[in-house]
C-alpha cells in the first residue's frame, strides 16, 4: 500500500499525466502500438521490416506472389516470397502484427526487390540554375557496369525529400554517362550528338526542380525505406542565414544525417558562382571519391561537358 501511494504521488506531481496514463501505469498495461521504423530489401525476393519492438505476425496478404517463409529475430521480421519482387515499382502487401501487450498494427505498404547488380556511380556534373536553352541536368558517370533498376535521386534524405526520381531497368557499361534532364528534354541536335557518344538520356518529370542556391542531390540504391546513399552533392550559396545556411530545416536535418552516416564530410560546396552556364563539376581523373566539396569545382563559363569527361577548367572571378 505504501508503494502504491508513492507511485500515485509521483504520477500526479510529474508532467500532469492523463487519467489514461495513470490507469495504464497502475495496471502495468501497454497500449502503445508498435511502430514500423524501416523496410529493407534484402534480396530479390526477401524483405525485412524493422519495428520499434518485438512483434508476432497475425496475417499477411501478398496477392499472387505468396510468402513462403516468415523469419522473426527480435524486432526484425523477414518475409520471403515465392517469386522475385519488382524493382522498378512497388508491390503492395497487407501486414498485421501484434506486440506482447496484444496491441495490433495493420499496414498496407509497397515493397520492392533488391537490385543485386548496382554499378559504381558518381554524380559528375550538376546544373540547378538552368534556363530554357540551358535546362537543369544531372550527369552520372558509371565507374563499373551494372543495372540502374530501382536506383533513385532525391533532393534530401529519406522522409525529408520533396522529389524522388526512380530509374528504369537499364543496363550500363563502365565509362558510360547518364544525363538526366529535369522537367525538360534535349533538342533533336543535342540528342543526336549525345546518342552518337553512347550517352544515356533520361527525362525526369518532377513536381519541382532542385533548389537553385541551397540544396543537395542524393543518389540512393532504392526508394524503399531508409535506403543507402551511393553518392552525394551538397551545395550552398551563403545567401541564407538560417538552418546552417540552407534556409530550410529539412535540408539542415538532411545535411546532419549525411555527416553522421559518413555520406558527406566537411562543408558543402560553395555554389555562389554557379550559373546557367557555369555548372558544378567533379574533378576529372579523380578516381577516389572523398564525399566532400573537394571533389567538385565551378566550371568556367560555357565549359559544361554533359555527356563527356569534364575539362577541369575552373571559374576564376
C-alpha atoms as a PDB file:
ATOM      1  CA  UNK A   1       0.000   0.000   0.000  1.00  0.00           C
ATOM      2  CA  UNK A   2       2.868   2.347   0.814  1.00  0.00           C
ATOM      3  CA  UNK A   3       4.409   1.690  -2.634  1.00  0.00           C
ATOM      4  CA  UNK A   4       1.071   2.408  -4.293  1.00  0.00           C
ATOM      5  CA  UNK A   5       0.755   5.772  -2.513  1.00  0.00           C
ATOM      6  CA  UNK A   6       4.305   6.749  -3.506  1.00  0.00           C
ATOM      7  CA  UNK A   7       3.549   5.787  -7.101  1.00  0.00           C
ATOM      8  CA  UNK A   8       0.375   7.897  -7.112  1.00  0.00           C
ATOM      9  CA  UNK A   9       2.262  10.906  -5.726  1.00  0.00           C
ATOM     10  CA  UNK A  10       4.960  10.575  -8.372  1.00  0.00           C
ATOM     11  CA  UNK A  11       2.399  10.297 -11.148  1.00  0.00           C
ATOM     12  CA  UNK A  12       0.298  13.221 -10.003  1.00  0.00           C
ATOM     13  CA  UNK A  13       3.256  15.549  -9.489  1.00  0.00           C
ATOM     14  CA  UNK A  14       5.087  14.884 -12.750  1.00  0.00           C
ATOM     15  CA  UNK A  15       4.103  16.496 -16.068  1.00  0.00           C
ATOM     16  CA  UNK A  16       0.346  16.261 -15.401  1.00  0.00           C
ATOM     17  CA  UNK A  17      -0.354  12.750 -16.700  1.00  0.00           C
ATOM     18  CA  UNK A  18      -3.691  11.948 -18.293  1.00  0.00           C
ATOM     19  CA  UNK A  19      -6.137   9.687 -16.430  1.00  0.00           C
ATOM     20  CA  UNK A  20      -5.492   7.017 -19.054  1.00  0.00           C
ATOM     21  CA  UNK A  21      -1.736   7.148 -18.387  1.00  0.00           C
ATOM     22  CA  UNK A  22      -2.340   6.814 -14.626  1.00  0.00           C
ATOM     23  CA  UNK A  23      -4.566   3.761 -15.152  1.00  0.00           C
ATOM     24  CA  UNK A  24      -2.083   2.168 -17.544  1.00  0.00           C
ATOM     25  CA  UNK A  25       0.732   2.650 -15.076  1.00  0.00           C
ATOM     26  CA  UNK A  26      -1.252   1.253 -12.140  1.00  0.00           C
ATOM     27  CA  UNK A  27      -2.384  -1.716 -14.167  1.00  0.00           C
ATOM     28  CA  UNK A  28       1.098  -2.122 -15.672  1.00  0.00           C
ATOM     29  CA  UNK A  29      -0.522  -2.138 -19.122  1.00  0.00           C
ATOM     30  CA  UNK A  30       0.831  -1.060 -22.504  1.00  0.00           C
ATOM     31  CA  UNK A  31      -1.490   0.384 -25.130  1.00  0.00           C
ATOM     32  CA  UNK A  32       1.163   1.839 -27.425  1.00  0.00           C
ATOM     33  CA  UNK A  33       1.105   0.445 -30.925  1.00  0.00           C
ATOM     34  CA  UNK A  34       4.350  -0.952 -32.327  1.00  0.00           C
ATOM     35  CA  UNK A  35       5.873   1.344 -34.941  1.00  0.00           C
ATOM     36  CA  UNK A  36       7.360   0.422 -38.300  1.00  0.00           C
ATOM     37  CA  UNK A  37      10.821   2.026 -38.321  1.00  0.00           C
ATOM     38  CA  UNK A  38      12.222   0.863 -41.646  1.00  0.00           C
ATOM     39  CA  UNK A  39      11.828  -1.507 -44.579  1.00  0.00           C
ATOM     40  CA  UNK A  40      14.834  -3.083 -46.318  1.00  0.00           C
ATOM     41  CA  UNK A  41      15.176  -5.105 -49.493  1.00  0.00           C
ATOM     42  CA  UNK A  42      17.454  -7.991 -48.503  1.00  0.00           C
ATOM     43  CA  UNK A  43      17.451  -9.839 -51.823  1.00  0.00           C
ATOM     44  CA  UNK A  44      15.371 -10.167 -54.961  1.00  0.00           C
ATOM     45  CA  UNK A  45      12.626 -11.997 -53.035  1.00  0.00           C
ATOM     46  CA  UNK A  46      13.275 -11.136 -49.380  1.00  0.00           C
ATOM     47  CA  UNK A  47      12.179  -8.017 -47.486  1.00  0.00           C
ATOM     48  CA  UNK A  48      12.901  -7.049 -43.878  1.00  0.00           C
ATOM     49  CA  UNK A  49      10.609  -4.991 -41.642  1.00  0.00           C
ATOM     50  CA  UNK A  50      12.105  -3.309 -38.576  1.00  0.00           C
ATOM     51  CA  UNK A  51       9.725  -2.416 -35.752  1.00  0.00           C
ATOM     52  CA  UNK A  52      10.090  -0.432 -32.539  1.00  0.00           C
ATOM     53  CA  UNK A  53       9.649  -3.622 -30.509  1.00  0.00           C
ATOM     54  CA  UNK A  54       9.356  -7.379 -30.865  1.00  0.00           C
ATOM     55  CA  UNK A  55       6.195  -8.433 -32.702  1.00  0.00           C
ATOM     56  CA  UNK A  56       4.440 -11.531 -33.916  1.00  0.00           C
ATOM     57  CA  UNK A  57       2.697 -11.830 -37.269  1.00  0.00           C
ATOM     58  CA  UNK A  58      -1.066 -12.146 -37.264  1.00  0.00           C
ATOM     59  CA  UNK A  59      -1.604 -12.153 -41.016  1.00  0.00           C
ATOM     60  CA  UNK A  60      -0.189 -11.110 -44.359  1.00  0.00           C
ATOM     61  CA  UNK A  61      -1.721 -10.782 -47.806  1.00  0.00           C
ATOM     62  CA  UNK A  62       0.603 -10.623 -50.781  1.00  0.00           C
ATOM     63  CA  UNK A  63      -1.601 -11.318 -53.805  1.00  0.00           C
ATOM     64  CA  UNK A  64      -0.308 -13.769 -56.383  1.00  0.00           C
ATOM     65  CA  UNK A  65       3.259 -13.747 -55.041  1.00  0.00           C
ATOM     66  CA  UNK A  66       2.862 -15.923 -51.960  1.00  0.00           C
ATOM     67  CA  UNK A  67       5.002 -15.697 -48.826  1.00  0.00           C
ATOM     68  CA  UNK A  68       6.918 -18.958 -48.427  1.00  0.00           C
ATOM     69  CA  UNK A  69       8.645 -18.206 -45.117  1.00  0.00           C
ATOM     70  CA  UNK A  70       8.485 -15.751 -42.239  1.00  0.00           C
ATOM     71  CA  UNK A  71      11.592 -15.251 -40.081  1.00  0.00           C
ATOM     72  CA  UNK A  72      11.471 -13.370 -36.767  1.00  0.00           C
ATOM     73  CA  UNK A  73      14.558 -12.041 -34.996  1.00  0.00           C
ATOM     74  CA  UNK A  74      13.890  -9.637 -32.137  1.00  0.00           C
ATOM     75  CA  UNK A  75      12.233  -6.534 -33.562  1.00  0.00           C
ATOM     76  CA  UNK A  76      13.018  -7.629 -37.130  1.00  0.00           C
ATOM     77  CA  UNK A  77      10.717  -9.563 -39.394  1.00  0.00           C
ATOM     78  CA  UNK A  78      11.706 -11.028 -42.769  1.00  0.00           C
ATOM     79  CA  UNK A  79       9.260 -12.201 -45.408  1.00  0.00           C
ATOM     80  CA  UNK A  80      10.473 -14.495 -48.192  1.00  0.00           C
ATOM     81  CA  UNK A  81       8.383 -14.612 -51.353  1.00  0.00           C
ATOM     82  CA  UNK A  82       7.944 -17.409 -53.862  1.00  0.00           C
ATOM     83  CA  UNK A  83       8.931 -15.191 -56.792  1.00  0.00           C
ATOM     84  CA  UNK A  84      11.248 -12.218 -57.219  1.00  0.00           C
ATOM     85  CA  UNK A  85       9.706  -8.876 -56.342  1.00  0.00           C
ATOM     86  CA  UNK A  86       9.626  -5.993 -58.839  1.00  0.00           C
ATOM     87  CA  UNK A  87      12.473  -3.496 -58.509  1.00  0.00           C
ATOM     88  CA  UNK A  88      11.346  -0.522 -60.581  1.00  0.00           C
ATOM     89  CA  UNK A  89       7.917  -0.232 -58.944  1.00  0.00           C
ATOM     90  CA  UNK A  90       6.235  -1.134 -55.662  1.00  0.00           C
ATOM     91  CA  UNK A  91       4.410  -4.379 -54.952  1.00  0.00           C
ATOM     92  CA  UNK A  92       1.523  -3.916 -52.471  1.00  0.00           C
ATOM     93  CA  UNK A  93       1.079  -6.131 -49.431  1.00  0.00           C
ATOM     94  CA  UNK A  94      -1.025  -6.042 -46.267  1.00  0.00           C
ATOM     95  CA  UNK A  95       0.537  -6.994 -42.957  1.00  0.00           C
ATOM     96  CA  UNK A  96      -0.840  -7.238 -39.411  1.00  0.00           C
ATOM     97  CA  UNK A  97       1.462  -7.617 -36.392  1.00  0.00           C
ATOM     98  CA  UNK A  98       0.965  -7.655 -32.626  1.00  0.00           C
ATOM     99  CA  UNK A  99       3.249  -6.884 -29.692  1.00  0.00           C
ATOM    100  CA  UNK A 100       3.416  -8.691 -26.344  1.00  0.00           C
ATOM    101  CA  UNK A 101       0.613  -6.494 -24.942  1.00  0.00           C
ATOM    102  CA  UNK A 102      -1.603  -7.531 -27.874  1.00  0.00           C
ATOM    103  CA  UNK A 103      -1.537  -4.091 -29.484  1.00  0.00           C
ATOM    104  CA  UNK A 104      -2.198  -4.692 -33.164  1.00  0.00           C
ATOM    105  CA  UNK A 105      -0.726  -2.714 -36.063  1.00  0.00           C
ATOM    106  CA  UNK A 106      -2.167  -3.181 -39.559  1.00  0.00           C
ATOM    107  CA  UNK A 107      -0.136  -1.977 -42.524  1.00  0.00           C
ATOM    108  CA  UNK A 108      -0.678  -1.530 -46.226  1.00  0.00           C
ATOM    109  CA  UNK A 109       2.755  -0.928 -47.728  1.00  0.00           C
ATOM    110  CA  UNK A 110       4.573  -1.132 -51.027  1.00  0.00           C
ATOM    111  CA  UNK A 111       7.739  -3.223 -51.195  1.00  0.00           C
ATOM    112  CA  UNK A 112      10.458  -3.845 -53.798  1.00  0.00           C
ATOM    113  CA  UNK A 113      13.097  -6.408 -54.558  1.00  0.00           C
ATOM    114  CA  UNK A 114      16.790  -5.606 -54.262  1.00  0.00           C
ATOM    115  CA  UNK A 115      18.912  -4.657 -57.250  1.00  0.00           C
ATOM    116  CA  UNK A 116      21.826  -7.070 -56.935  1.00  0.00           C
ATOM    117  CA  UNK A 117      23.754  -5.582 -59.868  1.00  0.00           C
ATOM    118  CA  UNK A 118      24.241  -1.934 -58.892  1.00  0.00           C
ATOM    119  CA  UNK A 119      27.120  -0.273 -60.762  1.00  0.00           C
ATOM    120  CA  UNK A 120      29.557   2.121 -59.115  1.00  0.00           C
ATOM    121  CA  UNK A 121      28.183   5.566 -59.943  1.00  0.00           C
ATOM    122  CA  UNK A 122      29.224   9.121 -59.115  1.00  0.00           C
ATOM    123  CA  UNK A 123      27.483  12.441 -59.639  1.00  0.00           C
ATOM    124  CA  UNK A 124      29.712  14.006 -62.298  1.00  0.00           C
ATOM    125  CA  UNK A 125      28.017  17.285 -63.240  1.00  0.00           C
ATOM    126  CA  UNK A 126      25.069  19.245 -61.870  1.00  0.00           C
ATOM    127  CA  UNK A 127      23.055  22.272 -63.000  1.00  0.00           C
ATOM    128  CA  UNK A 128      20.225  23.724 -60.907  1.00  0.00           C
ATOM    129  CA  UNK A 129      20.173  27.317 -62.228  1.00  0.00           C
ATOM    130  CA  UNK A 130      19.051  26.360 -65.703  1.00  0.00           C
ATOM    131  CA  UNK A 131      17.178  28.267 -68.376  1.00  0.00           C
ATOM    132  CA  UNK A 132      15.102  27.266 -71.378  1.00  0.00           C
ATOM    133  CA  UNK A 133      18.228  26.998 -73.519  1.00  0.00           C
ATOM    134  CA  UNK A 134      20.367  25.528 -70.712  1.00  0.00           C
ATOM    135  CA  UNK A 135      17.978  23.150 -68.899  1.00  0.00           C
ATOM    136  CA  UNK A 136      18.646  21.750 -65.466  1.00  0.00           C
ATOM    137  CA  UNK A 137      20.503  18.449 -65.656  1.00  0.00           C
ATOM    138  CA  UNK A 138      22.280  15.824 -63.597  1.00  0.00           C
ATOM    139  CA  UNK A 139      25.049  13.701 -65.038  1.00  0.00           C
ATOM    140  CA  UNK A 140      26.188  10.382 -63.612  1.00  0.00           C
ATOM    141  CA  UNK A 141      29.381   8.595 -64.564  1.00  0.00           C
ATOM    142  CA  UNK A 142      29.467   4.804 -64.487  1.00  0.00           C
ATOM    143  CA  UNK A 143      32.719   3.544 -62.990  1.00  0.00           C
ATOM    144  CA  UNK A 144      31.632  -0.051 -63.416  1.00  0.00           C
ATOM    145  CA  UNK A 145      28.988  -1.921 -65.392  1.00  0.00           C
ATOM    146  CA  UNK A 146      25.624  -2.873 -63.953  1.00  0.00           C
ATOM    147  CA  UNK A 147      21.910  -2.094 -63.939  1.00  0.00           C
ATOM    148  CA  UNK A 148      20.088   1.097 -62.862  1.00  0.00           C
ATOM    149  CA  UNK A 149      16.841  -0.641 -61.826  1.00  0.00           C
ATOM    150  CA  UNK A 150      15.280   0.915 -58.759  1.00  0.00           C
ATOM    151  CA  UNK A 151      18.016   3.449 -58.042  1.00  0.00           C
ATOM    152  CA  UNK A 152      16.682   6.911 -57.309  1.00  0.00           C
ATOM    153  CA  UNK A 153      17.682  10.552 -56.954  1.00  0.00           C
ATOM    154  CA  UNK A 154      16.316  12.702 -54.118  1.00  0.00           C
ATOM    155  CA  UNK A 155      16.676  16.338 -53.084  1.00  0.00           C
ATOM    156  CA  UNK A 156      17.032  15.430 -49.383  1.00  0.00           C
ATOM    157  CA  UNK A 157      17.390  12.321 -47.244  1.00  0.00           C
ATOM    158  CA  UNK A 158      14.542   9.859 -46.735  1.00  0.00           C
ATOM    159  CA  UNK A 159      11.450  11.385 -45.087  1.00  0.00           C
ATOM    160  CA  UNK A 160      12.650  14.933 -45.778  1.00  0.00           C
ATOM    161  CA  UNK A 161      12.695  14.815 -49.582  1.00  0.00           C
ATOM    162  CA  UNK A 162      10.075  16.508 -51.738  1.00  0.00           C
ATOM    163  CA  UNK A 163      11.072  14.880 -55.031  1.00  0.00           C
ATOM    164  CA  UNK A 164      12.276  11.400 -55.953  1.00  0.00           C
ATOM    165  CA  UNK A 165      13.176  10.162 -59.418  1.00  0.00           C
ATOM    166  CA  UNK A 166      13.375   6.369 -59.852  1.00  0.00           C
ATOM    167  CA  UNK A 167      15.477   4.865 -62.625  1.00  0.00           C
ATOM    168  CA  UNK A 168      14.070   2.361 -65.123  1.00  0.00           C
ATOM    169  CA  UNK A 169      15.549  -1.033 -65.948  1.00  0.00           C
ATOM    170  CA  UNK A 170      18.699  -0.077 -67.867  1.00  0.00           C
ATOM    171  CA  UNK A 171      21.957  -1.935 -68.380  1.00  0.00           C
ATOM    172  CA  UNK A 172      25.011   0.348 -68.460  1.00  0.00           C
ATOM    173  CA  UNK A 173      28.694  -0.214 -69.081  1.00  0.00           C
ATOM    174  CA  UNK A 174      31.790   1.181 -67.415  1.00  0.00           C
ATOM    175  CA  UNK A 175      32.695   4.657 -68.653  1.00  0.00           C
ATOM    176  CA  UNK A 176      29.179   5.481 -69.820  1.00  0.00           C
ATOM    177  CA  UNK A 177      27.464   8.753 -68.914  1.00  0.00           C
ATOM    178  CA  UNK A 178      23.819   9.090 -67.892  1.00  0.00           C
ATOM    179  CA  UNK A 179      22.330  12.570 -68.349  1.00  0.00           C
ATOM    180  CA  UNK A 180      19.018  13.251 -66.583  1.00  0.00           C
ATOM    181  CA  UNK A 181      17.051  16.239 -67.837  1.00  0.00           C
ATOM    182  CA  UNK A 182      14.890  17.744 -65.069  1.00  0.00           C
ATOM    183  CA  UNK A 183      11.412  18.653 -66.357  1.00  0.00           C
ATOM    184  CA  UNK A 184      12.834  19.196 -69.842  1.00  0.00           C
ATOM    185  CA  UNK A 185      14.324  17.329 -72.783  1.00  0.00           C
ATOM    186  CA  UNK A 186      17.200  17.918 -75.190  1.00  0.00           C
ATOM    187  CA  UNK A 187      16.545  19.335 -78.635  1.00  0.00           C
ATOM    188  CA  UNK A 188      16.992  16.998 -81.595  1.00  0.00           C
ATOM    189  CA  UNK A 189      20.505  18.239 -82.375  1.00  0.00           C
ATOM    190  CA  UNK A 190      21.760  17.744 -78.825  1.00  0.00           C
ATOM    191  CA  UNK A 191      20.026  14.379 -78.545  1.00  0.00           C
ATOM    192  CA  UNK A 192      21.651  13.164 -81.751  1.00  0.00           C
ATOM    193  CA  UNK A 193      25.079  14.305 -80.546  1.00  0.00           C
ATOM    194  CA  UNK A 194      24.722  12.635 -77.139  1.00  0.00           C
ATOM    195  CA  UNK A 195      23.384   9.394 -78.557  1.00  0.00           C
ATOM    196  CA  UNK A 196      26.312   9.257 -81.007  1.00  0.00           C
ATOM    197  CA  UNK A 197      28.594   9.153 -77.935  1.00  0.00           C
ATOM    198  CA  UNK A 198      26.571   6.283 -76.383  1.00  0.00           C
ATOM    199  CA  UNK A 199      25.241   8.612 -73.683  1.00  0.00           C
ATOM    200  CA  UNK A 200      22.035   7.522 -71.924  1.00  0.00           C
ATOM    201  CA  UNK A 201      19.443  10.317 -71.902  1.00  0.00           C
ATOM    202  CA  UNK A 202      16.652  10.276 -69.325  1.00  0.00           C
ATOM    203  CA  UNK A 203      13.851  12.765 -68.679  1.00  0.00           C
ATOM    204  CA  UNK A 204      12.711  13.225 -65.075  1.00  0.00           C
ATOM    205  CA  UNK A 205       9.262  14.736 -64.786  1.00  0.00           C
ATOM    206  CA  UNK A 206       9.110  16.045 -61.229  1.00  0.00           C
ATOM    207  CA  UNK A 207       6.667  18.273 -59.377  1.00  0.00           C
ATOM    208  CA  UNK A 208       9.519  20.692 -58.731  1.00  0.00           C
ATOM    209  CA  UNK A 209      13.168  21.139 -59.580  1.00  0.00           C
ATOM    210  CA  UNK A 210      16.244  21.215 -57.383  1.00  0.00           C
ATOM    211  CA  UNK A 211      16.854  24.411 -55.364  1.00  0.00           C
ATOM    212  CA  UNK A 212      18.974  26.905 -57.251  1.00  0.00           C
ATOM    213  CA  UNK A 213      21.140  28.134 -54.394  1.00  0.00           C
ATOM    214  CA  UNK A 214      20.995  25.799 -51.387  1.00  0.00           C
ATOM    215  CA  UNK A 215      20.315  22.098 -51.616  1.00  0.00           C
ATOM    216  CA  UNK A 216      21.571  18.618 -52.321  1.00  0.00           C
ATOM    217  CA  UNK A 217      21.426  15.898 -54.939  1.00  0.00           C
ATOM    218  CA  UNK A 218      21.482  12.390 -53.478  1.00  0.00           C
ATOM    219  CA  UNK A 219      21.771   9.105 -55.348  1.00  0.00           C
ATOM    220  CA  UNK A 220      20.092   6.220 -53.461  1.00  0.00           C
ATOM    221  CA  UNK A 221      20.155   2.486 -54.019  1.00  0.00           C
ATOM    222  CA  UNK A 222      16.369   2.266 -53.584  1.00  0.00           C
ATOM    223  CA  UNK A 223      13.311   4.416 -52.841  1.00  0.00           C
ATOM    224  CA  UNK A 224      12.263   1.793 -50.266  1.00  0.00           C
ATOM    225  CA  UNK A 225      12.682   2.640 -46.580  1.00  0.00           C
ATOM    226  CA  UNK A 226      15.768   4.416 -45.327  1.00  0.00           C
ATOM    227  CA  UNK A 227      17.970   3.195 -48.175  1.00  0.00           C
ATOM    228  CA  UNK A 228      21.706   3.754 -48.722  1.00  0.00           C
ATOM    229  CA  UNK A 229      23.224   6.893 -50.233  1.00  0.00           C
ATOM    230  CA  UNK A 230      25.518   5.866 -53.108  1.00  0.00           C
ATOM    231  CA  UNK A 231      26.759   9.396 -53.801  1.00  0.00           C
ATOM    232  CA  UNK A 232      26.003  12.924 -52.675  1.00  0.00           C
ATOM    233  CA  UNK A 233      26.422  16.509 -53.809  1.00  0.00           C
ATOM    234  CA  UNK A 234      25.671  19.195 -51.212  1.00  0.00           C
ATOM    235  CA  UNK A 235      25.744  22.904 -52.056  1.00  0.00           C
ATOM    236  CA  UNK A 236      25.018  26.318 -50.530  1.00  0.00           C
ATOM    237  CA  UNK A 237      25.453  29.862 -51.835  1.00  0.00           C
ATOM    238  CA  UNK A 238      25.904  31.571 -48.436  1.00  0.00           C
ATOM    239  CA  UNK A 239      22.785  33.681 -49.049  1.00  0.00           C
ATOM    240  CA  UNK A 240      20.623  32.078 -46.344  1.00  0.00           C
ATOM    241  CA  UNK A 241      21.226  32.875 -42.677  1.00  0.00           C
ATOM    242  CA  UNK A 242      19.123  30.164 -41.022  1.00  0.00           C
ATOM    243  CA  UNK A 243      19.357  26.381 -40.648  1.00  0.00           C
ATOM    244  CA  UNK A 244      23.124  26.152 -41.202  1.00  0.00           C
ATOM    245  CA  UNK A 245      22.803  28.438 -44.264  1.00  0.00           C
ATOM    246  CA  UNK A 246      20.445  26.040 -46.037  1.00  0.00           C
ATOM    247  CA  UNK A 247      17.389  28.170 -45.276  1.00  0.00           C
ATOM    248  CA  UNK A 248      15.202  25.109 -44.592  1.00  0.00           C
ATOM    249  CA  UNK A 249      15.007  22.778 -41.607  1.00  0.00           C
ATOM    250  CA  UNK A 250      14.599  19.715 -43.854  1.00  0.00           C
ATOM    251  CA  UNK A 251      17.893  20.448 -45.600  1.00  0.00           C
ATOM    252  CA  UNK A 252      19.740  21.104 -42.358  1.00  0.00           C
ATOM    253  CA  UNK A 253      18.481  17.812 -40.898  1.00  0.00           C
ATOM    254  CA  UNK A 254      19.439  16.021 -44.112  1.00  0.00           C
ATOM    255  CA  UNK A 255      22.926  17.528 -44.020  1.00  0.00           C
ATOM    256  CA  UNK A 256      23.432  16.467 -40.392  1.00  0.00           C
ATOM    257  CA  UNK A 257      22.275  12.944 -41.278  1.00  0.00           C
ATOM    258  CA  UNK A 258      24.729  12.751 -44.184  1.00  0.00           C
ATOM    259  CA  UNK A 259      27.570  13.876 -41.911  1.00  0.00           C
ATOM    260  CA  UNK A 260      26.605  11.400 -39.190  1.00  0.00           C
ATOM    261  CA  UNK A 261      26.450   8.465 -41.618  1.00  0.00           C
ATOM    262  CA  UNK A 262      29.661   9.435 -43.419  1.00  0.00           C
ATOM    263  CA  UNK A 263      27.921  10.078 -46.738  1.00  0.00           C
ATOM    264  CA  UNK A 264      29.362  13.613 -46.713  1.00  0.00           C
ATOM    265  CA  UNK A 265      32.262  15.222 -44.861  1.00  0.00           C
ATOM    266  CA  UNK A 266      33.045  18.859 -44.179  1.00  0.00           C
ATOM    267  CA  UNK A 267      31.358  21.958 -45.531  1.00  0.00           C
ATOM    268  CA  UNK A 268      29.015  21.996 -48.543  1.00  0.00           C
ATOM    269  CA  UNK A 269      30.153  23.156 -51.985  1.00  0.00           C
ATOM    270  CA  UNK A 270      30.071  26.943 -52.377  1.00  0.00           C
ATOM    271  CA  UNK A 271      27.664  27.354 -55.300  1.00  0.00           C
ATOM    272  CA  UNK A 272      27.580  31.155 -55.189  1.00  0.00           C
ATOM    273  CA  UNK A 273      29.341  31.496 -58.570  1.00  0.00           C
ATOM    274  CA  UNK A 274      27.333  28.784 -60.327  1.00  0.00           C
ATOM    275  CA  UNK A 275      25.030  29.988 -63.119  1.00  0.00           C
ATOM    276  CA  UNK A 276      23.165  28.510 -66.079  1.00  0.00           C
ATOM    277  CA  UNK A 277      26.478  28.451 -67.972  1.00  0.00           C
ATOM    278  CA  UNK A 278      28.739  27.570 -65.022  1.00  0.00           C
ATOM    279  CA  UNK A 279      27.981  24.106 -63.700  1.00  0.00           C
ATOM    280  CA  UNK A 280      29.140  22.195 -60.634  1.00  0.00           C
ATOM    281  CA  UNK A 281      31.581  19.559 -61.925  1.00  0.00           C
ATOM    282  CA  UNK A 282      33.515  16.659 -60.463  1.00  0.00           C
ATOM    283  CA  UNK A 283      37.261  16.918 -60.895  1.00  0.00           C
ATOM    284  CA  UNK A 284      38.289  14.795 -63.864  1.00  0.00           C
ATOM    285  CA  UNK A 285      40.654  11.877 -63.262  1.00  0.00           C
ATOM    286  CA  UNK A 286      39.749  11.927 -59.567  1.00  0.00           C
ATOM    287  CA  UNK A 287      39.163   8.215 -59.068  1.00  0.00           C
ATOM    288  CA  UNK A 288      38.853   8.472 -55.291  1.00  0.00           C
ATOM    289  CA  UNK A 289      35.549   9.898 -54.073  1.00  0.00           C
ATOM    290  CA  UNK A 290      36.124  11.821 -50.826  1.00  0.00           C
ATOM    291  CA  UNK A 291      32.405  12.592 -50.340  1.00  0.00           C
ATOM    292  CA  UNK A 292      33.280  16.246 -49.813  1.00  0.00           C
ATOM    293  CA  UNK A 293      33.377  19.625 -51.524  1.00  0.00           C
ATOM    294  CA  UNK A 294      36.972  18.832 -52.542  1.00  0.00           C
ATOM    295  CA  UNK A 295      35.625  16.540 -55.288  1.00  0.00           C
ATOM    296  CA  UNK A 296      33.888  19.407 -57.098  1.00  0.00           C
ATOM    297  CA  UNK A 297      34.531  22.796 -58.683  1.00  0.00           C
ATOM    298  CA  UNK A 298      32.587  25.520 -60.505  1.00  0.00           C
ATOM    299  CA  UNK A 299      33.320  25.176 -64.218  1.00  0.00           C
ATOM    300  CA  UNK A 300      34.450  28.107 -66.333  1.00  0.00           C
ATOM    301  CA  UNK A 301      31.684  29.897 -68.245  1.00  0.00           C
ATOM    302  CA  UNK A 302      30.348  27.849 -71.173  1.00  0.00           C
ATOM    303  CA  UNK A 303      32.565  24.851 -70.481  1.00  0.00           C
ATOM    304  CA  UNK A 304      29.829  22.489 -69.329  1.00  0.00           C
ATOM    305  CA  UNK A 305      30.536  18.964 -70.528  1.00  0.00           C
ATOM    306  CA  UNK A 306      27.377  16.906 -70.109  1.00  0.00           C
ATOM    307  CA  UNK A 307      27.919  13.576 -71.808  1.00  0.00           C
ATOM    308  CA  UNK A 308      31.702  13.647 -71.793  1.00  0.00           C
ATOM    309  CA  UNK A 309      34.722  13.986 -69.499  1.00  0.00           C
ATOM    310  CA  UNK A 310      34.908  17.193 -67.506  1.00  0.00           C
ATOM    311  CA  UNK A 311      37.509  19.779 -68.506  1.00  0.00           C
ATOM    312  CA  UNK A 312      38.890  20.736 -65.060  1.00  0.00           C
ATOM    313  CA  UNK A 313      38.845  24.385 -66.190  1.00  0.00           C
ATOM    314  CA  UNK A 314      37.687  26.203 -63.070  1.00  0.00           C
ATOM    315  CA  UNK A 315      35.912  29.528 -62.999  1.00  0.00           C
ATOM    316  CA  UNK A 316      38.155  32.371 -61.895  1.00  0.00           C
ATOM    317  CA  UNK A 317      36.237  35.525 -60.846  1.00  0.00           C
END
